[in-house]
Each structure stands twice: as C-alpha cells, then as structure tokens.
Protein backbone atom coordinates (compact mmCIF):
# COMPACT_ATOMS: atom_id res chain seq x y z
CA MET A 1 146.31 132.49 76.11
CA THR A 2 143.80 133.85 73.58
CA LYS A 3 142.06 131.59 71.08
CA THR A 4 140.88 132.65 67.64
CA LEU A 5 137.68 131.48 65.98
CA THR A 6 136.77 132.35 62.39
CA VAL A 7 133.13 132.10 61.35
CA THR A 8 132.13 132.15 57.68
CA LEU A 9 128.94 134.09 57.00
CA GLU A 10 127.28 135.06 53.71
CA THR A 11 128.15 138.67 54.53
CA GLY A 12 131.80 138.14 55.49
CA LEU A 13 134.27 136.52 57.88
CA LEU A 14 133.94 137.07 61.61
CA HIS A 15 137.23 136.64 63.48
CA ILE A 16 136.78 136.31 67.25
CA ASN A 17 139.66 136.32 69.72
CA THR A 18 138.64 135.04 73.15
CA GLU A 19 140.38 135.30 76.47
CA PRO A 20 140.36 132.25 78.78
CA GLY A 21 137.01 131.55 80.46
CA CYS A 22 135.10 128.86 82.33
CA VAL A 23 132.19 128.52 79.88
CA PRO A 24 132.90 127.12 76.38
CA LEU A 25 132.08 129.80 73.80
CA LYS A 26 130.07 127.35 71.69
CA ARG A 27 127.71 126.86 74.63
CA LEU A 28 127.07 130.58 74.79
CA LEU A 29 126.98 131.64 71.14
CA GLY A 30 126.04 130.82 67.60
CA PHE A 31 126.37 133.19 64.64
CA ALA A 32 124.33 134.55 61.74
CA ALA A 33 124.25 137.22 59.04
CA ARG A 34 122.17 140.33 59.72
CA ILE A 35 120.13 142.13 57.09
CA SER A 36 121.57 145.54 57.88
CA SER A 37 123.80 148.13 56.22
CA LYS A 38 125.42 148.99 59.57
CA ARG A 39 126.46 145.64 61.00
CA LYS A 40 126.25 142.50 58.92
CA PHE A 41 126.67 139.82 61.57
CA LEU A 42 124.79 138.69 64.65
CA LEU A 43 125.90 136.87 67.77
CA VAL A 44 123.10 134.36 68.39
CA SER A 45 122.98 133.73 72.12
CA LYS A 46 122.22 130.20 73.28
CA VAL A 47 121.39 131.29 76.84
CA LEU A 48 119.42 134.52 76.27
CA GLY A 49 116.08 133.06 75.15
CA LYS A 50 115.57 135.45 72.24
CA HIS A 51 116.51 134.12 68.80
CA TYR A 52 117.18 130.59 70.05
CA PRO A 53 115.04 128.38 72.34
CA VAL A 54 116.51 128.05 75.83
CA SER A 55 115.44 126.28 79.02
CA PRO A 56 114.37 128.55 81.91
CA HIS A 57 116.89 126.71 84.10
CA LEU A 58 119.77 127.82 81.86
CA MET A 59 118.44 131.38 81.75
CA SER A 60 118.23 131.42 85.56
CA TRP A 61 121.82 130.22 85.79
CA SER A 62 123.06 133.10 83.61
CA TYR A 63 121.09 135.65 85.66
CA ARG A 64 122.56 134.39 88.96
CA ALA A 65 126.08 134.19 87.59
CA LEU A 66 126.07 137.79 86.37
CA ALA A 67 124.29 139.15 89.46
CA ARG A 68 126.73 137.45 91.83
CA ALA A 69 129.69 138.75 89.84
CA VAL A 70 128.36 142.30 90.21
CA LEU A 71 127.71 141.95 93.93
CA LYS A 72 131.15 140.43 94.51
CA ARG A 73 132.69 143.67 93.22
CA GLY A 74 130.44 145.81 95.41
CA LEU A 75 127.62 148.29 94.85
CA ILE A 76 127.79 151.84 96.20
CA GLY A 77 124.57 153.22 97.72
CA GLU A 78 121.30 153.00 95.81
CA SER A 79 121.51 151.27 92.43
CA LEU A 80 119.76 151.65 89.07
CA TRP A 81 119.71 148.56 86.84
CA LEU A 82 119.01 149.08 83.12
CA GLY A 83 118.18 146.42 80.52
CA MET A 84 118.74 147.41 76.90
CA ALA A 85 115.91 147.15 74.36
CA GLU A 86 114.92 145.12 72.75
CA THR A 87 117.16 142.10 73.05
CA ALA A 88 118.30 142.43 76.66
CA THR A 89 115.15 143.64 78.41
CA GLY A 90 114.48 140.14 79.74
CA LEU A 91 118.14 139.59 80.61
CA GLY A 92 118.26 142.91 82.43
CA TYR A 93 115.19 142.12 84.50
CA GLY A 94 116.50 138.62 85.25
CA VAL A 95 119.86 139.89 86.52
CA PHE A 96 118.12 142.54 88.63
CA ALA A 97 115.71 139.99 90.15
CA ALA A 98 118.59 137.61 90.87
CA ALA A 99 120.47 140.43 92.62
CA CYS A 100 117.40 141.18 94.74
CA ARG A 101 117.22 137.54 95.77
CA GLU A 102 120.90 137.76 96.76
CA GLY A 103 120.00 140.55 99.18
CA VAL A 104 120.22 143.79 97.17
CA ARG A 105 117.96 146.54 98.48
CA GLU A 106 117.26 150.16 97.47
CA SER A 107 117.46 149.24 93.81
CA LEU A 108 115.36 150.03 90.74
CA PHE A 109 115.10 148.22 87.41
CA MET A 110 114.19 149.95 84.16
CA GLN A 111 114.48 149.08 80.50
CA THR A 112 115.12 151.29 77.54
CA THR A 113 112.53 151.27 74.78
CA ARG A 114 111.98 152.24 71.17
CA TYR A 115 108.38 153.23 71.84
CA HIS A 116 107.04 156.73 72.47
CA LEU A 117 105.18 157.79 75.60
CA GLU A 118 103.52 161.19 75.36
CA GLY A 119 104.04 163.66 78.17
CA VAL A 120 106.76 161.66 79.94
CA ALA A 121 110.28 163.09 80.38
CA ARG A 122 113.03 160.95 78.88
CA LEU A 123 116.68 160.62 78.02
CA GLU A 124 117.43 160.05 74.35
CA PHE A 125 120.51 158.38 72.89
CA VAL A 126 121.44 156.26 69.88
CA GLU A 127 122.97 152.88 69.11
CA ALA A 128 124.72 153.64 65.86
CA HIS A 129 125.21 150.05 64.65
CA SER A 130 121.66 148.89 65.40
CA HIS A 131 118.95 148.15 62.84
CA ALA A 132 116.84 150.70 64.78
CA THR A 133 119.02 153.37 66.34
CA ASP A 134 116.70 155.47 68.52
CA PHE A 135 116.38 154.50 72.17
CA PHE A 136 114.54 156.20 75.01
CA LEU A 137 114.98 155.94 78.75
CA TYR A 138 111.90 157.38 80.42
CA TYR A 139 111.69 158.87 83.88
CA PRO A 140 109.77 156.58 86.28
CA ASP A 141 106.11 157.27 86.88
CA SER A 142 106.05 157.16 90.70
CA PRO A 143 107.70 159.78 92.98
CA GLN A 144 109.56 157.07 94.92
CA HIS A 145 110.99 155.56 91.77
CA GLN A 146 111.93 158.99 90.45
CA GLN A 147 114.00 159.63 93.56
CA GLN A 148 115.83 156.34 93.03
CA PHE A 149 116.28 157.13 89.35
CA LEU A 150 117.70 160.62 89.94
CA HIS A 151 119.97 159.82 92.90
CA ALA A 152 121.42 156.34 92.30
CA GLN A 153 125.12 156.16 93.05
CA THR A 154 125.60 152.90 91.13
CA LEU A 155 124.43 152.33 87.55
CA VAL A 156 124.26 148.73 86.27
CA LEU A 157 123.96 148.58 82.47
CA ILE A 158 122.96 145.19 81.05
CA ASP A 159 123.10 143.96 77.45
CA ASP A 160 123.47 140.58 75.80
CA GLU A 161 126.76 141.51 74.12
CA ILE A 162 129.17 144.43 74.04
CA SER A 163 131.00 145.24 70.81
CA THR A 164 132.47 148.72 71.40
CA GLY A 165 130.74 150.18 74.46
CA LYS A 166 129.95 153.42 72.62
CA THR A 167 126.20 153.12 73.16
CA PHE A 168 126.79 152.74 76.88
CA LEU A 169 129.13 155.73 76.93
CA ARG A 170 126.39 157.89 75.34
CA LEU A 171 123.90 156.62 77.90
CA ILE A 172 126.24 157.21 80.85
CA GLN A 173 126.96 160.76 79.72
CA ALA A 174 123.26 161.52 79.20
CA TYR A 175 122.45 160.11 82.64
CA GLN A 176 125.23 162.10 84.34
CA VAL A 177 123.54 165.32 83.21
CA ILE A 178 120.51 164.56 85.41
CA ASN A 179 122.37 162.67 88.16
CA PRO A 180 125.75 164.16 89.11
CA ASN A 181 125.86 161.83 92.16
CA LEU A 182 126.80 158.81 90.03
CA CYS A 183 130.05 157.25 91.26
CA LYS A 184 130.21 153.73 89.84
CA VAL A 185 129.09 151.95 86.67
CA PHE A 186 128.89 148.23 85.96
CA ILE A 187 128.76 147.13 82.34
CA VAL A 188 127.24 143.66 82.39
CA SER A 189 126.85 141.30 79.44
CA LEU A 190 126.79 137.64 78.54
CA VAL A 191 129.81 138.25 76.28
CA ASN A 192 132.04 141.31 76.02
CA PHE A 193 133.92 141.82 72.77
CA ALA A 194 134.87 145.47 73.21
CA ASN A 195 138.58 145.73 72.49
CA PRO A 196 140.97 147.14 75.13
CA ILE A 197 141.18 150.54 73.40
CA ASP A 198 137.39 150.97 73.40
CA ARG A 199 137.14 149.84 77.02
CA LYS A 200 139.79 152.31 78.11
CA ALA A 201 138.10 155.12 76.15
CA LEU A 202 134.79 154.47 77.90
CA GLU A 203 136.43 154.40 81.32
CA THR A 204 138.29 157.66 80.66
CA GLU A 205 135.47 159.60 79.01
CA SER A 206 132.79 158.57 81.51
CA GLY A 207 134.81 159.98 84.41
CA VAL A 208 133.52 157.39 86.92
CA ALA A 209 134.73 154.02 88.17
CA VAL A 210 133.76 151.32 85.63
CA GLU A 211 133.59 147.56 86.20
CA TRP A 212 133.14 145.06 83.35
CA VAL A 213 131.23 141.83 84.07
CA SER A 214 130.66 139.03 81.53
CA LEU A 215 130.71 135.26 81.13
CA ARG A 216 133.33 135.47 78.35
CA GLN A 217 135.31 138.30 76.85
CA GLY A 218 137.68 139.06 73.97
CA TRP A 219 137.52 141.11 70.80
CA PHE A 220 136.54 140.62 67.17
CA HIS A 221 137.23 141.77 63.63
CA PHE A 222 134.69 141.52 60.82
CA GLU A 223 135.91 141.17 57.26
CA GLU A 224 132.91 142.31 55.24
CA HIS A 225 132.07 140.72 51.89
CA GLU A 226 129.67 142.11 49.32
CA ASN A 227 126.38 140.24 49.08
CA LYS A 228 124.22 141.91 46.46
CA VAL A 229 121.08 140.01 47.41
CA LEU A 230 121.21 140.85 51.13
CA ASP A 231 122.61 144.35 50.56
CA ASN A 232 119.55 145.24 48.49
CA ILE A 233 117.00 144.08 51.08
CA THR A 234 115.43 146.86 53.12
CA VAL A 235 113.24 146.25 56.16
CA ASN A 236 111.16 148.96 57.78
CA VAL A 237 112.06 149.11 61.49
CA SER A 238 110.78 152.62 62.23
CA GLY A 239 107.54 152.97 64.13
CA ASN A 240 104.84 155.55 63.52
CA GLY A 241 105.79 157.60 66.58
CA ARG A 242 102.39 157.42 68.26
CA CYS A 243 102.10 156.99 72.02
CA LYS A 244 102.00 153.29 72.96
CA LYS A 245 101.33 153.54 76.67
CA GLN A 246 97.81 152.15 76.36
CA LEU A 247 99.30 148.93 74.93
CA PHE A 248 101.76 148.28 77.76
CA GLY A 249 101.12 145.70 80.46
CA TRP A 250 104.71 145.20 81.58
CA PRO A 251 106.07 148.01 83.84
CA GLY A 252 109.76 147.78 83.00
CA ARG A 253 109.81 150.98 80.97
CA GLN A 254 108.79 153.07 84.00
CA GLY A 255 110.27 151.27 86.96
CA ILE A 256 110.27 148.01 88.97
CA ASN A 257 111.74 147.98 92.48
CA ALA A 258 111.22 144.30 93.40
CA PRO A 259 110.95 140.96 91.57
CA ILE A 260 107.63 140.24 89.88
CA THR A 261 105.70 137.13 90.92
CA LEU A 262 102.98 135.35 88.95
CA ALA A 263 99.66 134.65 90.62
CA SER A 264 99.58 130.97 91.61
CA GLU A 265 95.91 130.69 90.71
CA ALA A 266 96.74 131.64 87.11
CA ILE A 267 99.33 128.88 86.82
CA GLN A 268 96.87 126.39 88.29
CA THR A 269 94.30 127.13 85.59
CA LEU A 270 96.72 126.73 82.68
CA PRO A 271 96.62 122.89 82.38
CA ALA A 272 92.91 123.12 81.59
CA PHE A 273 93.90 124.81 78.30
CA PHE A 274 96.32 122.07 77.21
CA LYS A 275 95.26 119.89 74.29
CA SER A 276 96.05 116.71 76.22
CA ASP A 277 96.32 115.60 79.84
CA THR A 278 99.61 113.84 78.96
CA VAL A 279 101.59 117.08 78.59
CA LEU A 280 103.63 116.38 81.72
CA SER A 281 104.84 112.99 80.46
CA ASN A 282 105.24 113.95 76.80
CA LYS A 283 108.83 114.01 75.52
CA ARG A 284 108.24 117.18 73.51
CA PRO A 285 108.62 120.45 75.46
CA ILE A 286 106.26 123.38 75.88
CA LEU A 287 107.40 126.58 74.18
CA VAL A 288 106.71 129.84 76.02
CA LEU A 289 107.15 132.67 73.56
CA GLY A 290 107.70 136.29 74.62
CA SER A 291 106.99 139.32 72.46
CA GLY A 292 109.48 142.05 71.55
CA GLU A 293 110.52 144.17 74.52
CA CYS A 294 108.15 142.22 76.77
CA ASN A 295 110.02 138.92 77.12
CA ALA A 296 110.49 138.67 80.89
CA PRO A 297 106.94 137.33 81.48
CA ALA A 298 107.69 134.40 79.17
CA TYR A 299 110.66 133.49 81.35
CA LEU A 300 108.58 133.85 84.53
CA LEU A 301 105.88 131.54 83.18
CA GLY A 302 108.43 129.10 81.77
CA ARG A 303 110.24 128.95 85.11
CA GLU A 304 107.03 128.18 87.00
CA LEU A 305 106.08 125.42 84.53
CA GLU A 306 109.59 123.96 84.75
CA ARG A 307 109.34 123.88 88.55
CA LYS A 308 106.15 121.86 88.21
CA GLY A 309 107.97 119.22 86.17
CA TYR A 310 107.18 120.29 82.60
CA LYS A 311 109.80 120.32 79.86
CA VAL A 312 110.00 123.96 78.75
CA LYS A 313 111.80 126.19 76.26
CA VAL A 314 111.62 129.99 76.11
CA GLN A 315 112.32 132.45 73.32
CA SER A 316 110.84 135.67 71.90
CA THR A 317 109.67 137.54 68.85
CA THR A 318 111.88 140.37 67.60
CA ARG A 319 111.95 143.22 65.10
CA SER A 320 115.56 142.41 64.14
CA PRO A 321 115.90 141.24 60.50
CA ILE A 322 118.28 138.26 60.24
CA HIS A 323 119.23 136.09 57.28
CA THR A 324 118.44 132.37 57.52
CA SER A 325 121.91 130.85 57.63
CA ASN A 326 124.40 129.41 60.11
CA ASP A 327 122.60 129.31 63.51
CA ILE A 328 119.34 130.78 62.17
CA ALA A 329 117.54 127.79 60.68
CA SER A 330 114.14 129.33 59.94
CA VAL A 331 112.14 132.54 60.11
CA ILE A 332 108.46 133.34 60.60
CA GLN A 333 107.40 136.90 59.72
CA PHE A 334 104.31 138.71 60.95
CA GLU A 335 103.11 142.26 61.48
CA ASP A 336 104.02 143.74 64.86
CA ASN A 337 101.53 143.91 67.72
CA TYR A 338 102.25 147.53 68.74
CA ASP A 339 100.28 149.19 65.90
CA ASP A 340 103.41 150.24 64.01
CA GLY A 341 102.75 148.10 60.95
CA ILE A 342 106.34 146.88 60.76
CA PRO A 343 107.66 143.34 60.28
CA ASN A 344 108.43 141.23 63.32
CA PHE A 345 110.12 137.84 63.27
CA ILE A 346 110.43 134.55 65.12
CA TYR A 347 113.57 132.52 64.46
CA ASN A 348 114.36 128.83 64.86
CA LEU A 349 110.76 127.88 65.61
CA ASP A 350 109.45 124.55 64.33
CA PRO A 351 105.92 124.15 65.75
CA ALA A 352 106.13 120.37 65.36
CA THR A 353 108.92 120.32 67.95
CA TYR A 354 106.53 121.42 70.70
CA GLN A 355 103.42 119.85 72.17
CA GLU A 356 102.14 123.27 73.24
CA ILE A 357 103.01 126.86 72.33
CA ILE A 358 102.08 129.66 74.75
CA LEU A 359 102.41 133.23 73.52
CA CYS A 360 103.04 135.70 76.37
CA HIS A 361 102.18 139.29 75.45
CA GLU A 362 101.24 142.63 76.99
CA THR A 363 99.25 144.10 74.10
CA PRO A 364 95.72 143.21 73.00
CA LEU A 365 95.52 140.34 70.53
CA CYS A 366 95.90 142.00 67.15
CA GLU A 367 95.12 140.29 63.85
CA SER A 368 98.70 139.10 63.34
CA LEU A 369 98.82 137.44 66.76
CA HIS A 370 95.40 135.86 66.19
CA THR A 371 96.70 134.40 62.92
CA LEU A 372 99.77 132.88 64.61
CA LEU A 373 97.71 131.43 67.44
CA ASP A 374 95.26 129.88 64.97
CA GLN A 375 98.06 128.41 62.85
CA TRP A 376 99.67 126.74 65.85
CA HIS A 377 96.46 126.12 67.82
CA ALA A 378 98.41 127.94 70.53
CA ILE A 379 97.52 129.49 73.87
CA SER A 380 97.46 133.24 74.45
CA ALA A 381 98.74 134.48 77.84
CA ARG A 382 98.25 138.20 78.37
CA ILE A 383 99.96 139.69 81.41
CA ASP A 384 98.02 141.95 83.75
CA LEU A 385 100.03 143.87 86.34
CA PRO A 386 98.25 146.60 88.34
CA ALA A 387 100.11 149.86 88.92
CA ASN A 388 102.64 149.78 91.78
CA SER A 389 102.14 146.02 92.21
CA THR A 390 104.67 143.19 91.88
CA HIS A 391 102.00 140.48 91.66
CA ALA A 392 101.00 139.72 88.07
CA ALA A 393 98.09 137.79 86.66
CA LEU A 394 98.02 135.93 83.35
CA HIS A 395 94.85 135.65 81.31
CA PHE A 396 94.81 132.54 79.09
CA PHE A 397 92.86 132.06 75.87
CA ARG A 398 92.79 129.49 73.10
CA SER A 399 90.77 130.13 69.96
C-alpha cells in the first residue's frame, strides 16, 4: 500500500507517494526549496553527508546496504561504477568500496565532474533539471583503467536520488557508443522517485537489462507556486572553463580500482592539532567537512576517527543554491576553491555545535578557505594521493 506525504515549501507543494519499505522515509530525507528556475525543491538526505551532518557509521551502513543489494542481483563480467557529481561522488565511491570489501574484483570507480581537463577525452551529457547542467565523464588516465572503462559489461550508476532517470539514459546512450559490450546496468540511489512510465522508458530506450536499487522508492508531483523573491535570485554556477587538473588531489575523476586507505601515521598526528586533550571525552562531536566533488576523503577521515572512539559528523560544501527553510536551517557562503570565482555554500553548520572542525580538501588553501579556517579556528586537512596509489596521506594545518 502506498503512502502519500505532502510537504509545504515556499516554492510550492511537494506530494510524495512512497511504496512500502524497511527504512522510515523521515530517517532518510528532509526537504527544502531550491533557488533554481528548473527545479524548485530539494530532497535533503539525512544519510548522505552533504547538506546535513551525518555520522560516518550511518554513511557506512547506507554504502553496505546498497552494495549488497547490487551484488545480490548479480554483476556480469567487469564492472564500471560511476558516482554522479557533485552530490553523489562520495556516495558512489562509498558503494564501490563496500562492494570491493564484499569480494568484487575487476571493477573500476569513476565520478563525473563539472570541471574541465585539457587534452583528455571525455563523454559529455546534461542533467536538464540541475542548477549546473554540464557534466563530463573523462577517460581514465592509465592504460589498465582505460581497458576496464571501455570493456565493462556491467555499468553501476550511483546518485543520491532519482527523479526521472533521464540523465542516466543520456549517460547510458553516450557510453554505449564507446562500449558496445555493455549488457547490464544498475541504477542505484538512496531514494528512487522515478515514476513507472519513466522507468519503463529508460529500460526500453537503453536496450540493455536494467536493475533498480534503492532504500526507498515511489514517485512525486510538485505543485509549483510563484515566489517573486526567490524567482528573482540568480546565482552564478558556471565556471570559467579553465583546466583544473593541477588543483586535483583526489583521483576519482580518472579512475580508482581499489578502496583508498589513509596513512595511519597521518591519523596518529592529528590529535596534536586539537585545541584540547579532552576531545575524546567531550560531548560535542568533531565535524569533518568535505569540499565540493571531493567529499569521500572527509568520510574516510571521519570513519577512522569514529573507530578510535571520537564522536564525529561528516558533511560537505556545495555549489548548489538552496533557500534557508524547512530542513535547511542556515547557510554560509564563500567563494569556491577551484579558481572559478563562483559562490559555494555550507548548510546546517553551527560552529558552536562542534568542538573541532576539520576541513578536508584537495586544492591549495585559497583565500576563502583561509578565511573560514580562521573564523572557526579550524584544522585544514589536504589529501595527497600519489598517482596509481591507493594509500593517501593527509597534511594537517591550523593557522
């Protein structure tokens, strides 16, 4: 029996019909109004670790649950796992790593990106409803990874939520042009709200076997209302188009074929940067904050701290403009750290809630990040991952 939930937003009414499931929807999702002319609502995940602080333990649970559901249905041959930028890059990596720990071999993880890399072949496609519609999927940089990329028989597409599946259909069709060997596709998400007609259209038009995997599913209808204040707000989300490769420290955009581990010596040095030696017994948690498309390292660090007995929450910065209402309680705006000069945001962050804030990032510390670190008296953690390595170092700094 389906259940209907109606959510009142400042931009309209969101009607959600859910099919029966094991996880209560309110534990998975909150809701908010987006500042966008294309889609005026946002599903605020409570397990993703993006717009809402989440424990690494809960994130790990979601990764395992989705990975096991995929493996239960069966992979065919070599597999390519893709996380969708920017919101689901960390989720995609987490599901891939969980699958590897469950025994998957001959697999490759990659993430889509909105950043340009000069001289690297890529697939291009669009997400029509997004605040920033251009996405790129680059060819891997190593010959071994390229072989996996071009000959995978199973494609695992991972996003935080599915609304129509049309973006995935465009990606599948673009990928089939370079890999005619594709025989099976998994569409994996925390929640799947593509209606039955859209699901059937994707299955028919893709021409391959399609499996849908999610923690909850259903469909929605949005009844849009005019909001003159929000409708007149414009936010620049377009980059300058320059090559960003020199800024990258996380290899997801060009291929990962095994889970990444953090150097134990780096974790051992971190407590020396804490403001107090009572961090372990303090009731307030540590916040580990990821940045944009590079949010997996924040989870990796948060997980290691949690294993050592610390209370930890994880979330990330984003370029997505969201109105402060409903499940978005606050917003902090700063200039992005990828030299694009565009606004980035952190939602639901109250520095007083945390005894320490650690900002995980792959780029050099730009002026905007320096300002945030100084305001919070926070710790910088820049990831360093040598080419073709799965063993990452973290370099800590506190100004």
